[in-house]
C-alpha atoms as a PDB file:
ATOM      1  CA  MET A   1     -24.721-117.014 -36.142  1.00  0.00           C
ATOM      2  CA  THR A   2     -23.862-113.273 -35.374  1.00  0.00           C
ATOM      3  CA  ALA A   3     -24.338-112.213 -31.601  1.00  0.00           C
ATOM      4  CA  GLU A   4     -27.315-109.582 -33.205  1.00  0.00           C
ATOM      5  CA  ALA A   5     -29.054-112.769 -34.558  1.00  0.00           C
ATOM      6  CA  ASN A   6     -28.571-114.645 -31.486  1.00  0.00           C
ATOM      7  CA  PRO A   7     -31.882-115.010 -29.643  1.00  0.00           C
ATOM      8  CA  GLU A   8     -30.235-115.965 -26.153  1.00  0.00           C
ATOM      9  CA  PRO A   9     -29.119-112.573 -24.634  1.00  0.00           C
ATOM     10  CA  ASN A  10     -25.430-112.387 -23.761  1.00  0.00           C
ATOM     11  CA  ASP A  11     -25.174-109.164 -22.466  1.00  0.00           C
ATOM     12  CA  ALA A  12     -27.234-106.132 -21.495  1.00  0.00           C
ATOM     13  CA  ILE A  13     -27.484-104.954 -25.220  1.00  0.00           C
ATOM     14  CA  ASP A  14     -28.740-108.233 -26.279  1.00  0.00           C
ATOM     15  CA  VAL A  15     -31.628-108.260 -23.525  1.00  0.00           C
ATOM     16  CA  ILE A  16     -32.624-104.834 -24.807  1.00  0.00           C
ATOM     17  CA  LEU A  17     -32.470-106.035 -28.367  1.00  0.00           C
ATOM     18  CA  THR A  18     -34.412-109.069 -27.962  1.00  0.00           C
ATOM     19  CA  GLN A  19     -36.910-106.998 -25.852  1.00  0.00           C
ATOM     20  CA  TRP A  20     -37.348-104.576 -28.895  1.00  0.00           C
ATOM     21  CA  ARG A  21     -37.411-107.312 -31.452  1.00  0.00           C
ATOM     22  CA  ARG A  22     -40.348-108.911 -29.677  1.00  0.00           C
ATOM     23  CA  GLU A  23     -41.935-105.314 -29.718  1.00  0.00           C
ATOM     24  CA  ARG A  24     -40.964-104.004 -33.038  1.00  0.00           C
ATOM     25  CA  PRO A  25     -39.938-107.071 -35.134  1.00  0.00           C
ATOM     26  CA  ASP A  26     -40.288-104.540 -38.135  1.00  0.00           C
ATOM     27  CA  LEU A  27     -37.136-102.610 -37.280  1.00  0.00           C
ATOM     28  CA  ASP A  28     -33.698-103.366 -38.416  1.00  0.00           C
ATOM     29  CA  LEU A  29     -31.959-102.996 -34.901  1.00  0.00           C
ATOM     30  CA  SER A  30     -28.231-104.074 -36.121  1.00  0.00           C
ATOM     31  CA  ALA A  31     -27.258-100.288 -35.513  1.00  0.00           C
ATOM     32  CA  MET A  32     -28.453 -99.999 -32.126  1.00  0.00           C
ATOM     33  CA  GLY A  33     -26.440-103.243 -30.819  1.00  0.00           C
ATOM     34  CA  PHE A  34     -23.303-102.036 -32.597  1.00  0.00           C
ATOM     35  CA  LEU A  35     -23.424 -98.120 -31.408  1.00  0.00           C
ATOM     36  CA  GLY A  36     -24.962 -99.162 -27.986  1.00  0.00           C
ATOM     37  CA  ARG A  37     -21.856-101.427 -27.247  1.00  0.00           C
ATOM     38  CA  LEU A  38     -19.550 -98.726 -28.635  1.00  0.00           C
ATOM     39  CA  SER A  39     -21.030 -96.479 -26.217  1.00  0.00           C
ATOM     40  CA  LEU A  40     -20.647 -98.709 -23.357  1.00  0.00           C
ATOM     41  CA  LEU A  41     -16.966 -99.445 -24.579  1.00  0.00           C
ATOM     42  CA  THR A  42     -16.352 -95.620 -24.685  1.00  0.00           C
ATOM     43  CA  ARG A  43     -17.696 -94.793 -21.050  1.00  0.00           C
ATOM     44  CA  ALA A  44     -15.615 -98.046 -19.786  1.00  0.00           C
ATOM     45  CA  VAL A  45     -12.207 -96.867 -21.300  1.00  0.00           C
ATOM     46  CA  GLU A  46     -13.074 -92.959 -20.311  1.00  0.00           C
ATOM     47  CA  THR A  47     -13.428 -94.308 -16.601  1.00  0.00           C
ATOM     48  CA  ARG A  48     -10.446 -95.814 -16.931  1.00  0.00           C
ATOM     49  CA  VAL A  49      -8.615 -93.088 -18.350  1.00  0.00           C
ATOM     50  CA  ASP A  50      -9.980 -90.787 -16.105  1.00  0.00           C
ATOM     51  CA  ASP A  51      -8.442 -93.089 -13.274  1.00  0.00           C
ATOM     52  CA  MET A  52      -4.845 -93.132 -14.696  1.00  0.00           C
ATOM     53  CA  LEU A  53      -5.050 -89.304 -14.788  1.00  0.00           C
ATOM     54  CA  ALA A  54      -6.436 -88.754 -11.524  1.00  0.00           C
ATOM     55  CA  SER A  55      -3.377 -90.716 -10.162  1.00  0.00           C
ATOM     56  CA  HIS A  56      -1.330 -87.828 -11.458  1.00  0.00           C
ATOM     57  CA  GLY A  57      -3.271 -85.354 -10.098  1.00  0.00           C
ATOM     58  CA  LEU A  58      -5.026 -84.339 -13.666  1.00  0.00           C
ATOM     59  CA  GLY A  59      -7.918 -84.057 -15.342  1.00  0.00           C
ATOM     60  CA  ARG A  60      -8.837 -84.870 -18.623  1.00  0.00           C
ATOM     61  CA  GLY A  61      -8.829 -81.155 -19.597  1.00  0.00           C
ATOM     62  CA  GLU A  62      -5.404 -80.550 -17.707  1.00  0.00           C
ATOM     63  CA  PHE A  63      -3.828 -83.311 -19.588  1.00  0.00           C
ATOM     64  CA  ASP A  64      -5.179 -82.038 -22.794  1.00  0.00           C
ATOM     65  CA  VAL A  65      -3.702 -78.494 -22.347  1.00  0.00           C
ATOM     66  CA  LEU A  66      -0.372 -80.205 -21.189  1.00  0.00           C
ATOM     67  CA  ALA A  67      -0.317 -82.537 -23.804  1.00  0.00           C
ATOM     68  CA  ALA A  68      -1.086 -80.162 -26.662  1.00  0.00           C
ATOM     69  CA  ILE A  69       1.846 -78.095 -25.342  1.00  0.00           C
ATOM     70  CA  ARG A  70       4.141 -80.997 -24.957  1.00  0.00           C
ATOM     71  CA  ARG A  71       3.142 -82.525 -28.767  1.00  0.00           C
ATOM     72  CA  SER A  72       3.825 -78.879 -30.214  1.00  0.00           C
ATOM     73  CA  GLY A  73       7.586 -79.814 -29.692  1.00  0.00           C
ATOM     74  CA  PRO A  74      10.382 -77.125 -28.173  1.00  0.00           C
ATOM     75  CA  PRO A  75      10.315 -74.650 -26.711  1.00  0.00           C
ATOM     76  CA  TYR A  76       7.087 -76.119 -25.566  1.00  0.00           C
ATOM     77  CA  THR A  77       5.170 -72.882 -25.808  1.00  0.00           C
ATOM     78  CA  GLN A  78       1.950 -71.977 -27.224  1.00  0.00           C
ATOM     79  CA  ILE A  79      -0.276 -68.888 -27.238  1.00  0.00           C
ATOM     80  CA  PRO A  80      -3.672 -69.532 -25.550  1.00  0.00           C
ATOM     81  CA  SER A  81      -5.835 -69.021 -28.830  1.00  0.00           C
ATOM     82  CA  GLU A  82      -3.940 -71.644 -30.689  1.00  0.00           C
ATOM     83  CA  LEU A  83      -4.721 -74.028 -27.685  1.00  0.00           C
ATOM     84  CA  SER A  84      -8.414 -73.098 -27.566  1.00  0.00           C
ATOM     85  CA  ALA A  85      -8.606 -73.582 -31.517  1.00  0.00           C
ATOM     86  CA  ALA A  86      -6.835 -76.865 -30.822  1.00  0.00           C
ATOM     87  CA  LEU A  87      -8.786 -78.407 -28.369  1.00  0.00           C
ATOM     88  CA  MET A  88     -11.943 -76.985 -29.848  1.00  0.00           C
ATOM     89  CA  MET A  89     -12.943 -74.847 -26.560  1.00  0.00           C
ATOM     90  CA  SER A  90     -14.005 -71.587 -25.819  1.00  0.00           C
ATOM     91  CA  ARG A  91     -10.713 -68.957 -24.750  1.00  0.00           C
ATOM     92  CA  ALA A  92     -12.969 -68.404 -21.370  1.00  0.00           C
ATOM     93  CA  GLY A  93     -12.763 -72.010 -20.361  1.00  0.00           C
ATOM     94  CA  MET A  94      -9.154 -72.002 -21.410  1.00  0.00           C
ATOM     95  CA  THR A  95      -8.427 -69.210 -19.224  1.00  0.00           C
ATOM     96  CA  SER A  96      -9.942 -71.179 -16.280  1.00  0.00           C
ATOM     97  CA  ARG A  97      -7.590 -74.206 -17.127  1.00  0.00           C
ATOM     98  CA  LEU A  98      -4.681 -72.357 -17.712  1.00  0.00           C
ATOM     99  CA  ASP A  99      -4.765 -70.720 -14.465  1.00  0.00           C
ATOM    100  CA  ARG A 100      -5.094 -73.761 -12.619  1.00  0.00           C
ATOM    101  CA  LEU A 101      -2.224 -74.916 -14.629  1.00  0.00           C
ATOM    102  CA  GLU A 102      -0.125 -72.109 -13.592  1.00  0.00           C
ATOM    103  CA  SER A 103      -1.217 -72.389 -10.095  1.00  0.00           C
ATOM    104  CA  ALA A 104      -0.069 -75.844  -9.760  1.00  0.00           C
ATOM    105  CA  GLY A 105       3.572 -74.745 -11.462  1.00  0.00           C
ATOM    106  CA  LEU A 106       2.965 -76.759 -14.499  1.00  0.00           C
ATOM    107  CA  LEU A 107       2.964 -73.879 -16.740  1.00  0.00           C
ATOM    108  CA  GLN A 108       3.905 -70.160 -16.955  1.00  0.00           C
ATOM    109  CA  ARG A 109       2.397 -67.353 -18.775  1.00  0.00           C
ATOM    110  CA  SER A 110       4.818 -64.515 -20.351  1.00  0.00           C
ATOM    111  CA  LEU A 111       3.889 -61.528 -22.665  1.00  0.00           C
ATOM    112  CA  ASP A 112       4.075 -62.345 -26.178  1.00  0.00           C
ATOM    113  CA  PRO A 113       7.308 -60.654 -27.529  1.00  0.00           C
ATOM    114  CA  ALA A 114       5.762 -60.267 -31.046  1.00  0.00           C
ATOM    115  CA  ASP A 115       2.714 -59.477 -29.855  1.00  0.00           C
ATOM    116  CA  ARG A 116       2.444 -57.620 -26.431  1.00  0.00           C
ATOM    117  CA  ARG A 117      -1.388 -57.723 -26.209  1.00  0.00           C
ATOM    118  CA  SER A 118      -1.049 -61.580 -26.154  1.00  0.00           C
ATOM    119  CA  PHE A 119       0.731 -64.246 -23.579  1.00  0.00           C
ATOM    120  CA  ARG A 120       2.743 -67.453 -24.493  1.00  0.00           C
ATOM    121  CA  VAL A 121       1.880 -70.587 -22.309  1.00  0.00           C
ATOM    122  CA  THR A 122       4.997 -72.506 -21.645  1.00  0.00           C
ATOM    123  CA  LEU A 123       5.719 -76.069 -19.919  1.00  0.00           C
ATOM    124  CA  THR A 124       7.870 -75.732 -16.791  1.00  0.00           C
ATOM    125  CA  ASP A 125      10.268 -78.265 -15.917  1.00  0.00           C
ATOM    126  CA  GLN A 126       7.643 -79.733 -13.377  1.00  0.00           C
ATOM    127  CA  GLY A 127       4.956 -79.856 -16.068  1.00  0.00           C
ATOM    128  CA  ARG A 128       6.842 -81.481 -18.420  1.00  0.00           C
ATOM    129  CA  ALA A 129       7.630 -84.436 -16.178  1.00  0.00           C
ATOM    130  CA  ILE A 130       4.027 -84.494 -15.201  1.00  0.00           C
ATOM    131  CA  ILE A 131       3.203 -84.955 -18.885  1.00  0.00           C
ATOM    132  CA  ASP A 132       5.707 -86.817 -19.965  1.00  0.00           C
ATOM    133  CA  ALA A 133       4.749 -89.413 -16.805  1.00  0.00           C
ATOM    134  CA  THR A 134       1.163 -89.209 -17.712  1.00  0.00           C
ATOM    135  CA  LEU A 135       1.647 -89.742 -21.556  1.00  0.00           C
ATOM    136  CA  THR A 136       3.642 -93.058 -20.595  1.00  0.00           C
ATOM    137  CA  ASP A 137       0.921 -94.512 -18.047  1.00  0.00           C
ATOM    138  CA  HIS A 138      -1.892 -93.002 -20.707  1.00  0.00           C
ATOM    139  CA  ALA A 139      -0.003 -95.047 -23.580  1.00  0.00           C
ATOM    140  CA  ALA A 140       0.089 -98.382 -21.259  1.00  0.00           C
ATOM    141  CA  THR A 141      -3.510 -98.303 -20.190  1.00  0.00           C
ATOM    142  CA  LEU A 142      -4.814 -97.684 -23.841  1.00  0.00           C
ATOM    143  CA  ASN A 143      -2.759-100.599 -24.747  1.00  0.00           C
ATOM    144  CA  ARG A 144      -3.873-102.895 -22.288  1.00  0.00           C
ATOM    145  CA  LEU A 145      -7.099-102.074 -22.856  1.00  0.00           C
ATOM    146  CA  ILE A 146      -6.911-103.494 -26.543  1.00  0.00           C
ATOM    147  CA  SER A 147      -4.289-106.318 -25.598  1.00  0.00           C
ATOM    148  CA  GLY A 148      -7.284-108.652 -26.431  1.00  0.00           C
ATOM    149  CA  LEU A 149      -7.433-107.985 -29.683  1.00  0.00           C
ATOM    150  CA  ALA A 150      -5.402-109.124 -32.315  1.00  0.00           C
ATOM    151  CA  PRO A 151      -3.112-106.463 -34.763  1.00  0.00           C
ATOM    152  CA  GLU A 152      -5.089-107.015 -37.711  1.00  0.00           C
ATOM    153  CA  ASP A 153      -8.260-106.533 -35.682  1.00  0.00           C
ATOM    154  CA  VAL A 154      -7.112-103.182 -34.378  1.00  0.00           C
ATOM    155  CA  ALA A 155      -6.291-102.277 -38.008  1.00  0.00           C
ATOM    156  CA  THR A 156      -9.623-103.594 -39.027  1.00  0.00           C
ATOM    157  CA  MET A 157     -11.816-101.679 -36.142  1.00  0.00           C
ATOM    158  CA  THR A 158      -9.547 -98.293 -36.856  1.00  0.00           C
ATOM    159  CA  ARG A 159     -10.365 -98.359 -40.577  1.00  0.00           C
ATOM    160  CA  ILE A 160     -14.111 -99.071 -39.550  1.00  0.00           C
ATOM    161  CA  LEU A 161     -14.398 -96.198 -37.448  1.00  0.00           C
ATOM    162  CA  ARG A 162     -12.235 -93.753 -39.380  1.00  0.00           C
ATOM    163  CA  THR A 163     -15.052 -94.352 -42.251  1.00  0.00           C
ATOM    164  CA  MET A 164     -17.752 -93.847 -39.476  1.00  0.00           C
ATOM    165  CA  LEU A 165     -16.194 -90.381 -38.438  1.00  0.00           C
ATOM    166  CA  ASP A 166     -15.861 -89.318 -41.792  1.00  0.00           C
ATOM    167  CA  THR A 167     -19.784 -90.292 -42.154  1.00  0.00           C
ATOM    168  CA  VAL A 168     -21.128 -88.430 -39.021  1.00  0.00           C
ATOM    169  CA  THR A 169     -18.795 -85.453 -39.086  1.00  0.00           C
END
């Protein structure tokens, strides 16, 4: 018997589904159970990741910017419009993040020699050290969060989630 068909509530989602099945037995609620649990899982993961990032003095937005620059490879430099596009955010929002990171000494801006109307953003040595340490902890945190799953289950879930994302985006 699957958890969805189990009349005995096991978690908060089961309680909700049991109540809805009593009130609306005509509806297929399997998607509600699956996506409800996925939503709860996402929030739990985000909380743990946010706590880890905070231990490095970063928020999610700052981490995203530093990570985007770091993974671009040497010389760890990008222009703000590339970062805005890569992180799917407005240029005004990017400017605010860059201001905070520059004030913290994690990156520096300089005029782009190819286009003096534009700036280049480069990780400082301190910025590279922070993102490398944070990424190490981030990878460890995420691996701890999936440590209860068998590798084949991770592969199956990855395939399923990729298919779902293709369906909804």
